[in-house]
């Protein structure tokens, strides 16, 4: 996909703002191109961020895994996996993306743009991974690592402190499988707000009995909040916190 001069200036400004180097601007442009743009312009899916996201996901896991392995020498594989899962979740990655105004530099199809695509957490998370993939392919391994580590170092203390809450869904699932041989059921009971900024209300049921209800800015966030209330109600919170010490 040919890049206009104005687009080149935008991409160079993005790199400058974040102290990054990427010699291949076409690669960077792909990392910041949403699938809605290629779909609505009859372009190949190879021109959007999806393939780079695939690569960036691997880069993200490798760098974050090494960082956690070296930082927490006394944590076993189980706890390290829980911390990493929270650290590389869409919710966390979208926070990283927002800090560098990534949505501002992304290209969307008109419909997705109108619906507030540049603020959609899932799109921001995907683009952030694609950015890592682009930087890595541009032979900027050290730059990629240092860029990502700044985010990881800032976010990890919060995740470590709130791990029980962030891990609530898996804790609840393990409990229901062991005790009832079933899974908790998450039901959307209400949605409010515009399409690009909805609030979801989720209710959790176990064996047909309502256990908890909570809201969130995304379905995942609402589910997580409801699960946290559920494990508190069921007396599982203290046990989870003890396992993470």
Protein backbone atom coordinates (compact mmCIF):
# COMPACT_ATOMS: atom_id res chain seq x y z
CA UNK A 1 0.00 0.00 0.00
CA UNK A 2 1.50 3.31 -1.13
CA UNK A 3 2.10 5.85 1.64
CA UNK A 4 1.34 9.51 0.98
CA UNK A 5 3.74 12.25 2.05
CA UNK A 6 1.30 13.45 4.71
CA UNK A 7 1.07 9.92 6.09
CA UNK A 8 4.86 9.65 6.19
CA UNK A 9 4.96 12.83 8.25
CA UNK A 10 2.41 11.36 10.68
CA UNK A 11 4.40 8.16 11.10
CA UNK A 12 7.67 10.04 11.60
CA UNK A 13 5.97 12.23 14.19
CA UNK A 14 4.77 9.13 16.03
CA UNK A 15 8.29 7.69 16.07
CA UNK A 16 9.75 11.00 17.24
CA UNK A 17 7.18 11.37 20.03
CA UNK A 18 8.08 7.95 21.41
CA UNK A 19 11.84 7.94 20.81
CA UNK A 20 11.53 5.05 18.37
CA UNK A 21 13.34 4.19 15.16
CA UNK A 22 11.75 2.29 12.28
CA UNK A 23 13.43 2.61 8.89
CA UNK A 24 10.69 0.70 7.08
CA UNK A 25 7.72 3.06 7.17
CA UNK A 26 5.61 0.72 5.04
CA UNK A 27 5.95 -1.91 7.76
CA UNK A 28 5.02 0.61 10.43
CA UNK A 29 2.04 1.75 8.38
CA UNK A 30 0.76 -1.84 8.16
CA UNK A 31 1.08 -2.17 11.94
CA UNK A 32 -1.23 0.82 12.34
CA UNK A 33 -3.77 -0.15 9.68
CA UNK A 34 -7.01 -1.69 10.97
CA UNK A 35 -8.73 -4.48 9.05
CA UNK A 36 -11.78 -2.24 8.52
CA UNK A 37 -9.68 -0.05 6.23
CA UNK A 38 -8.49 -2.89 4.01
CA UNK A 39 -11.96 -4.44 3.95
CA UNK A 40 -13.72 -1.23 2.92
CA UNK A 41 -11.11 -0.43 0.28
CA UNK A 42 -10.93 -3.95 -1.21
CA UNK A 43 -7.28 -4.33 -0.22
CA UNK A 44 -5.49 -7.51 0.74
CA UNK A 45 -5.56 -8.48 4.41
CA UNK A 46 -1.76 -8.56 4.11
CA UNK A 47 -1.93 -4.76 4.14
CA UNK A 48 -3.35 -4.51 7.67
CA UNK A 49 -1.92 -5.32 11.10
CA UNK A 50 -3.11 -8.92 11.49
CA UNK A 51 0.07 -10.76 10.42
CA UNK A 52 2.28 -8.36 12.37
CA UNK A 53 0.04 -8.82 15.40
CA UNK A 54 0.74 -12.56 15.20
CA UNK A 55 4.48 -11.92 15.30
CA UNK A 56 4.23 -9.18 17.90
CA UNK A 57 2.35 -11.49 20.23
CA UNK A 58 5.34 -13.85 20.25
CA UNK A 59 7.78 -10.96 20.80
CA UNK A 60 5.61 -9.69 23.66
CA UNK A 61 5.51 -13.08 25.38
CA UNK A 62 9.24 -13.65 25.05
CA UNK A 63 10.29 -10.26 26.42
CA UNK A 64 7.72 -10.27 29.23
CA UNK A 65 8.55 -13.88 30.18
CA UNK A 66 12.25 -13.13 30.51
CA UNK A 67 11.54 -9.95 32.44
CA UNK A 68 9.33 -11.76 34.96
CA UNK A 69 11.70 -14.73 35.20
CA UNK A 70 14.56 -12.45 36.19
CA UNK A 71 12.50 -10.12 38.41
CA UNK A 72 10.74 -12.75 40.52
CA UNK A 73 13.36 -15.35 41.38
CA UNK A 74 11.22 -16.87 44.16
CA UNK A 75 7.98 -17.31 42.16
CA UNK A 76 7.14 -20.64 40.58
CA UNK A 77 5.87 -21.16 37.03
CA UNK A 78 2.23 -20.98 38.10
CA UNK A 79 2.43 -17.52 39.64
CA UNK A 80 4.66 -16.22 36.84
CA UNK A 81 2.07 -17.40 34.31
CA UNK A 82 -0.72 -15.59 36.18
CA UNK A 83 1.24 -12.34 36.31
CA UNK A 84 2.15 -12.60 32.62
CA UNK A 85 -1.44 -13.30 31.62
CA UNK A 86 -2.56 -10.07 33.29
CA UNK A 87 0.43 -8.16 31.95
CA UNK A 88 -0.24 -9.04 28.31
CA UNK A 89 -4.04 -8.93 28.43
CA UNK A 90 -5.99 -6.71 26.03
CA UNK A 91 -6.91 -4.44 28.92
CA UNK A 92 -3.27 -3.84 29.85
CA UNK A 93 -2.01 -3.56 26.28
CA UNK A 94 -4.71 -1.02 25.45
CA UNK A 95 -3.46 1.06 28.39
CA UNK A 96 0.05 0.93 26.94
CA UNK A 97 -1.31 1.95 23.54
CA UNK A 98 -3.27 4.86 25.01
CA UNK A 99 -0.15 6.20 26.72
CA UNK A 100 1.51 6.68 23.33
CA UNK A 101 -1.66 7.93 21.55
CA UNK A 102 -1.52 4.92 19.23
CA UNK A 103 -5.17 5.24 18.22
CA UNK A 104 -4.51 8.73 16.90
CA UNK A 105 -2.08 7.34 14.31
CA UNK A 106 -4.13 4.31 13.24
CA UNK A 107 -6.02 4.07 9.93
CA UNK A 108 -9.64 2.85 10.04
CA UNK A 109 -12.45 2.41 7.59
CA UNK A 110 -15.02 5.25 7.78
CA UNK A 111 -17.62 3.15 9.60
CA UNK A 112 -15.20 1.92 12.26
CA UNK A 113 -13.76 5.41 12.64
CA UNK A 114 -17.25 6.81 13.21
CA UNK A 115 -17.91 4.18 15.88
CA UNK A 116 -14.83 5.29 17.82
CA UNK A 117 -12.42 2.59 16.67
CA UNK A 118 -9.40 4.52 17.87
CA UNK A 119 -10.63 4.08 21.44
CA UNK A 120 -11.65 0.42 21.16
CA UNK A 121 -9.51 -1.59 23.59
CA UNK A 122 -9.27 -4.69 21.42
CA UNK A 123 -8.07 -2.68 18.40
CA UNK A 124 -5.52 -0.76 20.46
CA UNK A 125 -4.17 -3.98 21.97
CA UNK A 126 -3.83 -5.60 18.54
CA UNK A 127 -2.09 -2.56 17.09
CA UNK A 128 0.33 -2.43 20.02
CA UNK A 129 1.32 -6.04 19.37
CA UNK A 130 1.63 -5.29 15.65
CA UNK A 131 3.89 -2.35 16.46
CA UNK A 132 6.19 -4.67 18.40
CA UNK A 133 6.20 -7.03 15.41
CA UNK A 134 7.08 -4.21 13.00
CA UNK A 135 9.93 -2.93 15.16
CA UNK A 136 11.28 -6.46 15.54
CA UNK A 137 11.17 -7.13 11.78
CA UNK A 138 12.94 -3.82 11.19
CA UNK A 139 15.90 -5.31 13.06
CA UNK A 140 15.32 -3.11 16.07
CA UNK A 141 15.40 -5.91 18.65
CA UNK A 142 17.11 -3.92 21.38
CA UNK A 143 14.90 -0.88 20.78
CA UNK A 144 11.81 -3.10 20.88
CA UNK A 145 12.89 -4.68 24.15
CA UNK A 146 13.71 -1.39 25.86
CA UNK A 147 10.50 0.23 24.59
CA UNK A 148 8.36 -2.59 25.98
CA UNK A 149 10.27 -2.92 29.25
CA UNK A 150 9.38 0.63 30.23
CA UNK A 151 5.70 -0.33 30.18
CA UNK A 152 6.24 -3.68 31.89
CA UNK A 153 8.24 -2.17 34.73
CA UNK A 154 5.61 0.48 35.35
CA UNK A 155 2.63 -1.90 35.29
CA UNK A 156 4.01 -5.00 37.06
CA UNK A 157 3.83 -3.68 40.67
CA UNK A 158 0.10 -2.96 40.25
CA UNK A 159 -0.54 -6.39 38.76
CA UNK A 160 1.42 -8.16 41.48
CA UNK A 161 -0.56 -6.33 44.17
CA UNK A 162 -3.94 -6.97 42.52
CA UNK A 163 -3.22 -10.44 41.16
CA UNK A 164 -6.02 -12.13 43.09
CA UNK A 165 -8.56 -9.76 41.57
CA UNK A 166 -7.09 -10.02 38.08
CA UNK A 167 -7.03 -13.81 38.34
CA UNK A 168 -10.57 -14.06 39.71
CA UNK A 169 -12.13 -15.70 36.63
CA UNK A 170 -9.75 -18.66 36.61
CA UNK A 171 -10.01 -19.01 40.41
CA UNK A 172 -13.80 -19.17 40.18
CA UNK A 173 -13.68 -21.61 37.28
CA UNK A 174 -11.33 -23.98 39.14
CA UNK A 175 -13.63 -23.87 42.15
CA UNK A 176 -16.84 -24.61 40.23
CA UNK A 177 -15.24 -27.40 38.22
CA UNK A 178 -13.91 -29.08 41.35
CA UNK A 179 -17.03 -28.65 43.49
CA UNK A 180 -19.89 -28.79 40.99
CA UNK A 181 -18.30 -30.28 37.83
CA UNK A 182 -19.59 -27.27 35.93
CA UNK A 183 -18.55 -23.79 34.79
CA UNK A 184 -19.81 -20.42 36.02
CA UNK A 185 -22.25 -18.81 33.59
CA UNK A 186 -21.70 -15.15 32.68
CA UNK A 187 -24.86 -13.38 31.49
CA UNK A 188 -25.12 -9.87 30.06
CA UNK A 189 -28.13 -8.33 31.77
CA UNK A 190 -27.71 -4.73 30.60
CA UNK A 191 -25.80 -2.55 28.13
CA UNK A 192 -25.74 1.25 28.25
CA UNK A 193 -23.98 4.03 26.37
CA UNK A 194 -22.95 4.59 22.71
CA UNK A 195 -21.44 1.77 20.63
CA UNK A 196 -17.84 2.97 21.08
CA UNK A 197 -18.16 3.54 24.84
CA UNK A 198 -20.54 1.01 26.30
CA UNK A 199 -20.96 -0.08 29.90
CA UNK A 200 -21.82 -3.75 30.42
CA UNK A 201 -23.55 -5.30 33.40
CA UNK A 202 -22.71 -8.97 33.93
CA UNK A 203 -24.38 -11.49 36.21
CA UNK A 204 -22.71 -14.75 37.27
CA UNK A 205 -24.78 -17.85 37.87
CA UNK A 206 -23.64 -21.20 39.25
CA UNK A 207 -26.11 -24.07 38.95
CA UNK A 208 -28.86 -21.55 38.20
CA UNK A 209 -28.15 -19.48 41.31
CA UNK A 210 -27.06 -15.85 40.98
CA UNK A 211 -23.75 -15.33 42.77
CA UNK A 212 -22.74 -11.78 41.82
CA UNK A 213 -23.37 -8.84 39.48
CA UNK A 214 -20.94 -6.14 38.32
CA UNK A 215 -20.33 -3.59 35.58
CA UNK A 216 -17.36 -2.73 33.36
CA UNK A 217 -16.32 -0.76 30.26
CA UNK A 218 -16.00 -4.04 28.34
CA UNK A 219 -17.51 -7.50 28.65
CA UNK A 220 -14.18 -8.87 29.88
CA UNK A 221 -13.83 -6.16 32.51
CA UNK A 222 -17.40 -6.67 33.73
CA UNK A 223 -16.83 -10.44 33.91
CA UNK A 224 -13.62 -9.92 35.85
CA UNK A 225 -15.29 -7.56 38.32
CA UNK A 226 -18.20 -9.94 38.79
CA UNK A 227 -15.83 -12.88 39.28
CA UNK A 228 -13.91 -10.95 41.92
CA UNK A 229 -17.12 -10.28 43.85
CA UNK A 230 -18.00 -13.96 43.50
CA UNK A 231 -14.73 -15.29 44.93
CA UNK A 232 -15.02 -12.82 47.80
CA UNK A 233 -18.54 -14.04 48.54
CA UNK A 234 -17.46 -17.68 48.33
CA UNK A 235 -14.48 -17.15 50.64
CA UNK A 236 -11.93 -17.93 47.92
CA UNK A 237 -10.11 -14.61 47.95
CA UNK A 238 -7.96 -15.33 51.00
CA UNK A 239 -6.90 -18.70 49.59
CA UNK A 240 -5.90 -17.16 46.26
CA UNK A 241 -3.87 -14.45 47.99
CA UNK A 242 -2.07 -17.04 50.09
CA UNK A 243 -1.08 -18.98 46.95
CA UNK A 244 0.40 -15.84 45.43
CA UNK A 245 2.64 -15.01 48.38
